[in-house]
């Protein structure tokens, strides 16, 4: 027996339509609900950075009952600016995450933000009509995550990857 290979669990990767600018204090998130309990290992974000800016991509996972992030950060990861493509070439950017068992049926938020004011601008791509991810929505904050606005008919492009768990963990 060995370790099961990583696989893609929750995702929304329909063709992008537009992007949302992310810079402190603006943050964005996609809520998602796993259909299988598994160990989170990494996420992908369909993103680019504004030319001649150097933002760090910070990703955090929190529980999000009712599509509102609450409680402590459960998992986090960082991707440096040098691997984030510049406009006009968005791409799937990988962020390694601290290990977290994501529970089937629990709603979470994948939150992204930059590190500090004037660091630079990230642009996370989303679908603004006919979005079809059934277990979450696009949300955003303009005050560093103190309050969140919900946009139920839109979804950010995202992937979350992990390792299946055997038995009831």
N, C-alpha and C. Protein backbone atom coordinates (compact mmCIF):
# COMPACT_ATOMS: atom_id res chain seq x y z
N UNK A 1 0.84 -1.20 0.00
CA UNK A 1 0.00 0.00 0.00
C UNK A 1 0.87 1.24 0.00
N UNK A 2 0.49 2.25 -0.64
CA UNK A 2 1.22 3.51 -0.65
C UNK A 2 0.24 4.64 -0.40
N UNK A 3 0.72 5.83 -0.52
CA UNK A 3 -0.13 7.00 -0.37
C UNK A 3 -0.92 7.18 -1.66
N UNK A 4 -2.20 7.43 -1.53
CA UNK A 4 -3.03 7.67 -2.71
C UNK A 4 -2.53 8.92 -3.43
N UNK A 5 -2.62 8.93 -4.75
CA UNK A 5 -2.18 10.12 -5.49
C UNK A 5 -3.13 11.30 -5.26
N UNK A 6 -2.57 12.50 -5.42
CA UNK A 6 -3.41 13.69 -5.34
C UNK A 6 -4.42 13.68 -6.48
N UNK A 7 -5.59 14.24 -6.19
CA UNK A 7 -6.61 14.37 -7.23
C UNK A 7 -7.38 15.66 -7.03
N UNK A 8 -8.03 16.09 -8.10
CA UNK A 8 -8.85 17.30 -8.05
C UNK A 8 -10.19 16.93 -7.43
N UNK A 9 -10.62 17.68 -6.42
CA UNK A 9 -11.90 17.44 -5.78
C UNK A 9 -12.91 18.51 -6.21
N UNK A 10 -13.00 19.60 -5.50
CA UNK A 10 -13.96 20.65 -5.86
C UNK A 10 -13.29 21.61 -6.85
N UNK A 11 -14.08 22.05 -7.84
CA UNK A 11 -13.51 22.96 -8.84
C UNK A 11 -14.62 23.62 -9.63
N UNK A 12 -14.28 24.73 -10.23
CA UNK A 12 -15.11 25.39 -11.23
C UNK A 12 -14.14 25.94 -12.26
N UNK A 13 -14.18 25.37 -13.46
CA UNK A 13 -13.21 25.79 -14.47
C UNK A 13 -13.86 26.03 -15.83
N UNK A 14 -15.14 26.46 -15.80
CA UNK A 14 -15.78 26.86 -17.05
C UNK A 14 -15.04 28.07 -17.61
N UNK A 15 -15.24 28.35 -18.90
CA UNK A 15 -14.51 29.48 -19.49
C UNK A 15 -14.73 30.79 -18.72
N UNK A 16 -13.63 31.49 -18.51
CA UNK A 16 -13.69 32.75 -17.78
C UNK A 16 -14.40 33.82 -18.61
N UNK A 17 -14.93 34.83 -17.93
CA UNK A 17 -15.56 35.94 -18.63
C UNK A 17 -14.92 37.27 -18.28
N UNK A 18 -14.62 37.48 -17.02
CA UNK A 18 -14.02 38.73 -16.60
C UNK A 18 -13.26 38.50 -15.30
N UNK A 19 -12.68 39.55 -14.76
CA UNK A 19 -11.88 39.40 -13.55
C UNK A 19 -12.30 40.43 -12.51
N UNK A 20 -11.88 40.18 -11.28
CA UNK A 20 -12.10 41.10 -10.18
C UNK A 20 -10.73 41.49 -9.63
N UNK A 21 -10.50 42.79 -9.45
CA UNK A 21 -9.22 43.28 -8.91
C UNK A 21 -9.15 43.01 -7.41
N UNK A 22 -8.01 42.47 -6.98
CA UNK A 22 -7.80 42.16 -5.57
C UNK A 22 -6.53 42.86 -5.11
N UNK A 23 -6.67 43.70 -4.11
CA UNK A 23 -5.56 44.41 -3.48
C UNK A 23 -6.05 44.84 -2.11
N UNK A 24 -5.14 44.96 -1.16
CA UNK A 24 -5.56 45.33 0.19
C UNK A 24 -6.22 46.71 0.16
N UNK A 25 -7.38 46.85 0.81
CA UNK A 25 -8.08 45.93 1.70
C UNK A 25 -9.13 45.05 1.01
N UNK A 26 -9.13 44.97 -0.33
CA UNK A 26 -10.12 44.16 -1.04
C UNK A 26 -9.69 42.70 -1.08
N UNK A 27 -10.59 41.82 -0.70
CA UNK A 27 -10.36 40.38 -0.73
C UNK A 27 -11.51 39.72 -1.46
N UNK A 28 -11.25 38.56 -2.01
CA UNK A 28 -12.30 37.80 -2.69
C UNK A 28 -12.24 36.36 -2.24
N UNK A 29 -13.37 35.67 -2.42
CA UNK A 29 -13.42 34.27 -2.03
C UNK A 29 -14.45 33.53 -2.87
N UNK A 30 -14.24 32.23 -2.97
CA UNK A 30 -15.22 31.32 -3.55
C UNK A 30 -15.58 30.33 -2.46
N UNK A 31 -16.87 30.21 -2.17
CA UNK A 31 -17.27 29.18 -1.21
C UNK A 31 -17.44 27.86 -1.95
N UNK A 32 -17.22 26.78 -1.23
CA UNK A 32 -17.32 25.45 -1.83
C UNK A 32 -17.67 24.43 -0.75
N UNK A 33 -18.30 23.36 -1.16
CA UNK A 33 -18.73 22.31 -0.24
C UNK A 33 -18.27 20.97 -0.77
N UNK A 34 -17.30 20.33 -0.12
CA UNK A 34 -16.82 19.04 -0.60
C UNK A 34 -17.92 17.97 -0.58
N UNK A 35 -17.88 17.11 -1.58
CA UNK A 35 -18.80 15.97 -1.63
C UNK A 35 -18.13 14.71 -1.10
N UNK A 36 -16.85 14.83 -0.70
CA UNK A 36 -16.10 13.71 -0.15
C UNK A 36 -15.08 14.25 0.85
N UNK A 37 -14.97 13.62 2.01
CA UNK A 37 -13.96 14.01 2.99
C UNK A 37 -12.58 13.63 2.44
N UNK A 38 -11.64 14.58 2.53
CA UNK A 38 -10.29 14.34 1.99
C UNK A 38 -9.29 15.30 2.63
N UNK A 39 -8.01 15.04 2.40
CA UNK A 39 -6.94 15.88 2.90
C UNK A 39 -6.58 16.91 1.83
N UNK A 40 -6.79 18.19 2.13
CA UNK A 40 -6.42 19.28 1.22
C UNK A 40 -4.90 19.39 1.16
N UNK A 41 -4.35 19.50 -0.07
CA UNK A 41 -2.90 19.67 -0.23
C UNK A 41 -2.53 20.93 -1.00
N UNK A 42 -3.36 21.32 -1.97
CA UNK A 42 -3.03 22.49 -2.78
C UNK A 42 -4.30 23.02 -3.44
N UNK A 43 -4.21 24.27 -3.90
CA UNK A 43 -5.30 24.88 -4.65
C UNK A 43 -4.71 25.52 -5.90
N UNK A 44 -5.58 25.72 -6.87
CA UNK A 44 -5.22 26.47 -8.08
C UNK A 44 -6.19 27.64 -8.21
N UNK A 45 -5.66 28.78 -8.64
CA UNK A 45 -6.44 29.99 -8.83
C UNK A 45 -6.17 30.49 -10.24
N UNK A 46 -7.23 30.77 -11.02
CA UNK A 46 -7.05 31.29 -12.38
C UNK A 46 -6.90 32.80 -12.26
N UNK A 47 -5.65 33.28 -12.43
CA UNK A 47 -5.33 34.64 -12.02
C UNK A 47 -4.20 35.20 -12.89
N UNK A 48 -4.08 36.51 -12.89
CA UNK A 48 -2.88 37.18 -13.40
C UNK A 48 -2.65 38.42 -12.53
N UNK A 49 -1.49 39.05 -12.72
CA UNK A 49 -1.20 40.28 -12.00
C UNK A 49 -1.12 41.43 -12.99
N UNK A 50 -1.40 42.62 -12.52
CA UNK A 50 -1.28 43.81 -13.35
C UNK A 50 0.20 44.01 -13.66
N UNK A 51 0.48 44.40 -14.91
CA UNK A 51 1.87 44.61 -15.33
C UNK A 51 2.60 45.55 -14.39
N UNK A 52 3.86 45.24 -14.13
CA UNK A 52 4.74 46.04 -13.28
C UNK A 52 4.21 46.19 -11.85
N UNK A 53 3.46 45.18 -11.38
CA UNK A 53 3.12 45.11 -9.96
C UNK A 53 3.57 43.74 -9.46
N UNK A 54 3.79 43.63 -8.17
CA UNK A 54 4.45 42.45 -7.63
C UNK A 54 3.72 41.89 -6.40
N UNK A 55 2.45 41.55 -6.57
CA UNK A 55 1.67 41.08 -5.42
C UNK A 55 1.97 39.62 -5.07
N UNK A 56 1.92 39.34 -3.79
CA UNK A 56 1.97 37.97 -3.30
C UNK A 56 0.53 37.45 -3.25
N UNK A 57 0.32 36.23 -3.72
CA UNK A 57 -1.00 35.59 -3.65
C UNK A 57 -1.08 34.83 -2.33
N UNK A 58 -1.94 35.30 -1.44
CA UNK A 58 -2.17 34.63 -0.16
C UNK A 58 -3.52 33.92 -0.24
N UNK A 59 -3.55 32.66 0.15
CA UNK A 59 -4.79 31.87 0.13
C UNK A 59 -5.06 31.38 1.54
N UNK A 60 -6.31 31.53 1.96
CA UNK A 60 -6.72 31.04 3.27
C UNK A 60 -8.01 30.26 3.11
N UNK A 61 -8.16 29.23 3.94
CA UNK A 61 -9.40 28.46 3.99
C UNK A 61 -10.02 28.66 5.36
N UNK A 62 -11.31 29.04 5.36
CA UNK A 62 -12.09 29.16 6.59
C UNK A 62 -13.42 28.44 6.38
N UNK A 63 -14.06 28.05 7.46
CA UNK A 63 -15.44 27.57 7.33
C UNK A 63 -16.30 28.75 6.92
N UNK A 64 -17.38 28.45 6.18
CA UNK A 64 -18.22 29.53 5.64
C UNK A 64 -19.69 29.13 5.65
N UNK A 65 -20.26 28.89 6.83
CA UNK A 65 -21.69 28.61 6.86
C UNK A 65 -22.43 29.83 6.29
N UNK A 66 -23.47 29.58 5.55
CA UNK A 66 -24.24 30.67 4.92
C UNK A 66 -23.37 31.54 4.02
N UNK A 67 -22.30 30.97 3.46
CA UNK A 67 -21.42 31.66 2.52
C UNK A 67 -20.71 32.87 3.12
N UNK A 68 -20.51 32.87 4.44
CA UNK A 68 -19.78 33.94 5.12
C UNK A 68 -18.61 33.33 5.88
N UNK A 69 -17.36 33.68 5.54
CA UNK A 69 -16.21 33.12 6.26
C UNK A 69 -16.26 33.49 7.75
N UNK A 70 -16.05 32.48 8.59
CA UNK A 70 -16.07 32.71 10.03
C UNK A 70 -14.99 31.87 10.69
N UNK A 71 -14.65 32.26 11.92
CA UNK A 71 -13.72 31.46 12.71
C UNK A 71 -12.28 31.62 12.25
N UNK A 72 -11.43 30.73 12.76
CA UNK A 72 -10.00 30.83 12.47
C UNK A 72 -9.65 30.36 11.06
N UNK A 73 -8.47 30.75 10.61
CA UNK A 73 -7.93 30.22 9.36
C UNK A 73 -7.57 28.76 9.61
N UNK A 74 -8.10 27.87 8.78
CA UNK A 74 -7.88 26.43 8.94
C UNK A 74 -6.70 25.93 8.13
N UNK A 75 -6.41 26.60 7.02
CA UNK A 75 -5.31 26.23 6.14
C UNK A 75 -4.89 27.49 5.40
N UNK A 76 -3.60 27.56 5.04
CA UNK A 76 -3.13 28.74 4.31
C UNK A 76 -1.95 28.37 3.42
N UNK A 77 -1.70 29.24 2.46
CA UNK A 77 -0.58 29.06 1.55
C UNK A 77 -0.27 30.38 0.87
N UNK A 78 0.92 30.47 0.29
CA UNK A 78 1.38 31.70 -0.36
C UNK A 78 2.09 31.35 -1.66
N UNK A 79 1.85 32.17 -2.68
CA UNK A 79 2.57 32.05 -3.94
C UNK A 79 3.22 33.39 -4.24
N UNK A 80 4.51 33.40 -4.52
CA UNK A 80 5.23 34.64 -4.77
C UNK A 80 4.88 35.21 -6.15
N UNK A 81 5.05 36.50 -6.30
CA UNK A 81 4.65 37.21 -7.51
C UNK A 81 5.32 36.66 -8.77
N UNK A 82 6.55 36.17 -8.66
CA UNK A 82 7.33 35.78 -9.84
C UNK A 82 6.70 34.63 -10.63
N UNK A 83 5.84 33.84 -10.00
CA UNK A 83 5.20 32.74 -10.74
C UNK A 83 3.78 33.07 -11.17
N UNK A 84 3.34 34.29 -10.87
CA UNK A 84 2.00 34.73 -11.29
C UNK A 84 2.15 35.48 -12.61
N UNK A 85 1.48 35.04 -13.66
CA UNK A 85 1.67 35.69 -14.96
C UNK A 85 1.13 37.12 -14.98
N UNK A 86 1.76 37.93 -15.83
CA UNK A 86 1.29 39.30 -16.03
C UNK A 86 0.17 39.33 -17.06
N UNK A 87 -0.62 40.39 -16.99
CA UNK A 87 -1.63 40.69 -18.00
C UNK A 87 -0.96 40.70 -19.36
N UNK A 88 -1.49 40.15 -20.43
CA UNK A 88 -2.85 39.65 -20.58
C UNK A 88 -2.95 38.12 -20.56
N UNK A 89 -2.12 37.44 -19.81
CA UNK A 89 -2.06 35.98 -19.88
C UNK A 89 -2.39 35.30 -18.56
N UNK A 90 -3.68 35.25 -18.17
CA UNK A 90 -4.02 34.55 -16.94
C UNK A 90 -3.70 33.06 -17.06
N UNK A 91 -3.47 32.43 -15.93
CA UNK A 91 -3.15 31.00 -15.92
C UNK A 91 -3.56 30.42 -14.57
N UNK A 92 -3.59 29.09 -14.52
CA UNK A 92 -3.83 28.39 -13.26
C UNK A 92 -2.55 28.45 -12.43
N UNK A 93 -2.61 29.12 -11.29
CA UNK A 93 -1.46 29.28 -10.40
C UNK A 93 -1.64 28.37 -9.19
N UNK A 94 -0.62 27.55 -8.93
CA UNK A 94 -0.66 26.60 -7.83
C UNK A 94 -0.21 27.25 -6.52
N UNK A 95 -0.93 26.93 -5.45
CA UNK A 95 -0.53 27.34 -4.11
C UNK A 95 -0.57 26.11 -3.21
N UNK A 96 0.57 25.75 -2.64
CA UNK A 96 0.61 24.64 -1.69
C UNK A 96 0.00 25.10 -0.37
N UNK A 97 -0.83 24.25 0.22
CA UNK A 97 -1.58 24.61 1.43
C UNK A 97 -1.11 23.79 2.63
N UNK A 98 -1.25 24.37 3.82
CA UNK A 98 -1.01 23.58 5.02
C UNK A 98 -2.10 22.50 5.08
N UNK A 99 -1.76 21.31 5.56
CA UNK A 99 -2.71 20.19 5.52
C UNK A 99 -3.99 20.48 6.31
N UNK A 100 -5.11 20.06 5.74
CA UNK A 100 -6.41 20.23 6.38
C UNK A 100 -7.34 19.14 5.89
N UNK A 101 -8.02 18.48 6.79
CA UNK A 101 -9.05 17.53 6.37
C UNK A 101 -10.32 18.32 6.11
N UNK A 102 -10.74 18.33 4.84
CA UNK A 102 -11.99 18.97 4.44
C UNK A 102 -13.10 17.93 4.59
N UNK A 103 -14.15 18.30 5.31
CA UNK A 103 -15.23 17.37 5.62
C UNK A 103 -16.37 17.48 4.60
N UNK A 104 -16.82 16.32 4.16
CA UNK A 104 -17.97 16.25 3.26
C UNK A 104 -19.15 17.01 3.88
N UNK A 105 -19.80 17.86 3.05
CA UNK A 105 -20.98 18.58 3.49
C UNK A 105 -20.73 19.84 4.28
N UNK A 106 -19.48 20.15 4.60
CA UNK A 106 -19.15 21.39 5.31
C UNK A 106 -18.78 22.45 4.29
N UNK A 107 -19.36 23.64 4.42
CA UNK A 107 -19.05 24.71 3.48
C UNK A 107 -17.82 25.48 3.95
N UNK A 108 -16.91 25.73 3.01
CA UNK A 108 -15.68 26.46 3.26
C UNK A 108 -15.59 27.64 2.30
N UNK A 109 -14.67 28.57 2.61
CA UNK A 109 -14.35 29.66 1.69
C UNK A 109 -12.87 29.61 1.38
N UNK A 110 -12.55 29.71 0.08
CA UNK A 110 -11.17 29.89 -0.38
C UNK A 110 -11.01 31.39 -0.57
N UNK A 111 -10.25 32.02 0.32
CA UNK A 111 -10.09 33.48 0.33
C UNK A 111 -8.73 33.81 -0.26
N UNK A 112 -8.69 34.80 -1.16
CA UNK A 112 -7.38 35.26 -1.64
C UNK A 112 -7.23 36.76 -1.41
N UNK A 113 -5.99 37.15 -1.13
CA UNK A 113 -5.69 38.56 -0.90
C UNK A 113 -4.19 38.79 -1.10
N UNK A 114 -3.82 40.06 -1.20
CA UNK A 114 -2.41 40.43 -1.28
C UNK A 114 -1.90 40.68 0.15
N UNK A 115 -0.62 40.98 0.29
CA UNK A 115 -0.04 41.08 1.63
C UNK A 115 -0.20 42.44 2.30
N UNK A 116 -0.14 43.52 1.53
CA UNK A 116 -0.24 44.84 2.14
C UNK A 116 -0.68 45.85 1.09
N UNK A 117 -1.12 47.02 1.55
CA UNK A 117 -1.58 48.09 0.68
C UNK A 117 -0.45 48.50 -0.26
N UNK A 118 -0.79 48.72 -1.52
CA UNK A 118 0.12 49.14 -2.59
C UNK A 118 1.14 48.08 -2.99
N UNK A 119 0.91 46.82 -2.60
CA UNK A 119 1.84 45.77 -3.02
C UNK A 119 1.65 45.44 -4.50
N UNK A 120 0.43 45.56 -4.98
CA UNK A 120 0.14 45.22 -6.36
C UNK A 120 -1.28 44.72 -6.50
N UNK A 121 -1.66 44.41 -7.72
CA UNK A 121 -3.04 44.01 -8.01
C UNK A 121 -3.06 42.63 -8.64
N UNK A 122 -3.85 41.75 -8.04
CA UNK A 122 -4.16 40.45 -8.62
C UNK A 122 -5.51 40.54 -9.29
N UNK A 123 -5.70 39.77 -10.34
CA UNK A 123 -7.00 39.72 -11.01
C UNK A 123 -7.44 38.26 -11.09
N UNK A 124 -8.47 37.93 -10.32
CA UNK A 124 -9.02 36.58 -10.26
C UNK A 124 -10.20 36.51 -11.21
N UNK A 125 -10.15 35.58 -12.13
CA UNK A 125 -11.17 35.46 -13.16
C UNK A 125 -12.40 34.74 -12.63
N UNK A 126 -13.57 35.18 -13.11
CA UNK A 126 -14.83 34.58 -12.70
C UNK A 126 -15.85 34.62 -13.83
N UNK A 127 -16.89 33.85 -13.64
CA UNK A 127 -18.01 33.83 -14.59
C UNK A 127 -19.13 34.66 -13.98
N UNK A 128 -19.57 35.70 -14.70
CA UNK A 128 -20.54 36.61 -14.11
C UNK A 128 -21.98 36.34 -14.53
N UNK A 129 -22.21 35.40 -15.44
CA UNK A 129 -23.58 34.92 -15.66
C UNK A 129 -23.48 33.47 -16.10
N UNK A 130 -24.56 32.75 -15.85
CA UNK A 130 -24.61 31.32 -16.17
C UNK A 130 -23.55 30.51 -15.44
N UNK A 131 -23.13 30.96 -14.27
CA UNK A 131 -22.18 30.18 -13.47
C UNK A 131 -22.90 28.96 -12.92
N UNK A 132 -22.22 27.83 -12.90
CA UNK A 132 -22.92 26.58 -12.60
C UNK A 132 -22.31 25.77 -11.46
N UNK A 133 -21.37 26.32 -10.68
CA UNK A 133 -20.87 25.55 -9.54
C UNK A 133 -22.00 25.47 -8.51
N UNK A 134 -22.47 24.26 -8.16
CA UNK A 134 -23.70 24.12 -7.38
C UNK A 134 -23.54 24.21 -5.86
N UNK A 135 -22.34 24.22 -5.34
CA UNK A 135 -22.17 24.10 -3.89
C UNK A 135 -21.42 25.29 -3.28
N UNK A 136 -21.56 26.47 -3.90
CA UNK A 136 -20.90 27.67 -3.38
C UNK A 136 -21.13 28.84 -4.31
N UNK A 137 -20.62 30.01 -3.89
CA UNK A 137 -20.80 31.24 -4.65
C UNK A 137 -19.55 32.12 -4.55
N UNK A 138 -19.54 33.17 -5.37
CA UNK A 138 -18.50 34.20 -5.31
C UNK A 138 -18.87 35.20 -4.21
N UNK A 139 -17.89 35.56 -3.38
CA UNK A 139 -18.10 36.59 -2.37
C UNK A 139 -16.89 37.52 -2.38
N UNK A 140 -17.07 38.74 -1.83
CA UNK A 140 -15.94 39.66 -1.77
C UNK A 140 -16.07 40.58 -0.56
N UNK A 141 -14.94 41.16 -0.17
CA UNK A 141 -14.88 42.07 0.96
C UNK A 141 -14.07 43.30 0.54
N UNK A 142 -14.49 44.46 0.99
CA UNK A 142 -13.73 45.68 0.73
C UNK A 142 -13.07 46.21 2.00
N UNK A 143 -13.15 45.43 3.09
CA UNK A 143 -12.60 45.88 4.37
C UNK A 143 -11.75 44.79 5.05
N UNK A 144 -10.89 44.15 4.26
CA UNK A 144 -9.96 43.12 4.75
C UNK A 144 -10.66 41.92 5.38
N UNK A 145 -11.89 41.65 4.97
CA UNK A 145 -12.58 40.46 5.44
C UNK A 145 -13.46 40.66 6.65
N UNK A 146 -13.66 41.91 7.10
CA UNK A 146 -14.55 42.14 8.24
C UNK A 146 -16.01 41.88 7.85
N UNK A 147 -16.40 42.31 6.65
CA UNK A 147 -17.74 42.04 6.15
C UNK A 147 -17.62 41.49 4.72
N UNK A 148 -18.63 40.72 4.31
CA UNK A 148 -18.61 40.06 3.00
C UNK A 148 -19.89 40.32 2.24
N UNK A 149 -19.77 40.55 0.94
CA UNK A 149 -20.92 40.67 0.04
C UNK A 149 -21.02 39.39 -0.77
N UNK A 150 -22.25 38.93 -0.99
CA UNK A 150 -22.49 37.65 -1.67
C UNK A 150 -23.05 37.90 -3.07
N UNK A 151 -22.55 37.14 -4.03
CA UNK A 151 -23.04 37.23 -5.40
C UNK A 151 -23.40 35.82 -5.85
N UNK A 152 -24.64 35.39 -5.58
CA UNK A 152 -25.01 33.98 -5.74
C UNK A 152 -24.96 33.43 -7.15
N UNK A 153 -25.06 34.24 -8.17
CA UNK A 153 -25.11 33.71 -9.54
C UNK A 153 -23.75 33.76 -10.22
N UNK A 154 -22.68 34.01 -9.46
CA UNK A 154 -21.34 34.10 -10.04
C UNK A 154 -20.40 33.15 -9.31
N UNK A 155 -19.38 32.67 -10.03
CA UNK A 155 -18.38 31.78 -9.44
C UNK A 155 -16.99 32.15 -9.95
N UNK A 156 -16.02 32.19 -9.01
CA UNK A 156 -14.62 32.32 -9.39
C UNK A 156 -14.13 30.99 -9.95
N UNK A 157 -13.12 31.05 -10.80
CA UNK A 157 -12.49 29.83 -11.30
C UNK A 157 -11.50 29.34 -10.25
N UNK A 158 -11.68 28.09 -9.81
CA UNK A 158 -10.84 27.55 -8.74
C UNK A 158 -10.76 26.04 -8.86
N UNK A 159 -9.75 25.50 -8.24
CA UNK A 159 -9.60 24.04 -8.09
C UNK A 159 -9.02 23.80 -6.71
N UNK A 160 -9.52 22.77 -6.04
CA UNK A 160 -8.88 22.34 -4.80
C UNK A 160 -8.53 20.87 -4.93
N UNK A 161 -7.30 20.56 -4.56
CA UNK A 161 -6.72 19.23 -4.74
C UNK A 161 -6.38 18.62 -3.40
N UNK A 162 -6.38 17.30 -3.35
CA UNK A 162 -6.04 16.65 -2.11
C UNK A 162 -5.86 15.16 -2.29
N UNK A 163 -5.86 14.48 -1.16
CA UNK A 163 -5.65 13.03 -1.12
C UNK A 163 -6.88 12.40 -0.49
N UNK A 164 -7.45 11.38 -1.15
CA UNK A 164 -8.62 10.71 -0.56
C UNK A 164 -8.24 10.04 0.76
N UNK A 165 -9.19 9.98 1.66
CA UNK A 165 -8.98 9.31 2.94
C UNK A 165 -9.72 7.98 2.92
N UNK A 166 -9.14 6.98 3.52
CA UNK A 166 -9.78 5.67 3.58
C UNK A 166 -10.51 5.55 4.90
N UNK A 167 -11.73 5.01 4.86
CA UNK A 167 -12.49 4.81 6.08
C UNK A 167 -13.04 6.11 6.62
N UNK A 168 -13.54 6.07 7.82
CA UNK A 168 -14.11 7.26 8.46
C UNK A 168 -13.04 7.96 9.28
N UNK A 169 -12.51 9.05 8.76
CA UNK A 169 -11.46 9.79 9.48
C UNK A 169 -12.06 10.98 10.18
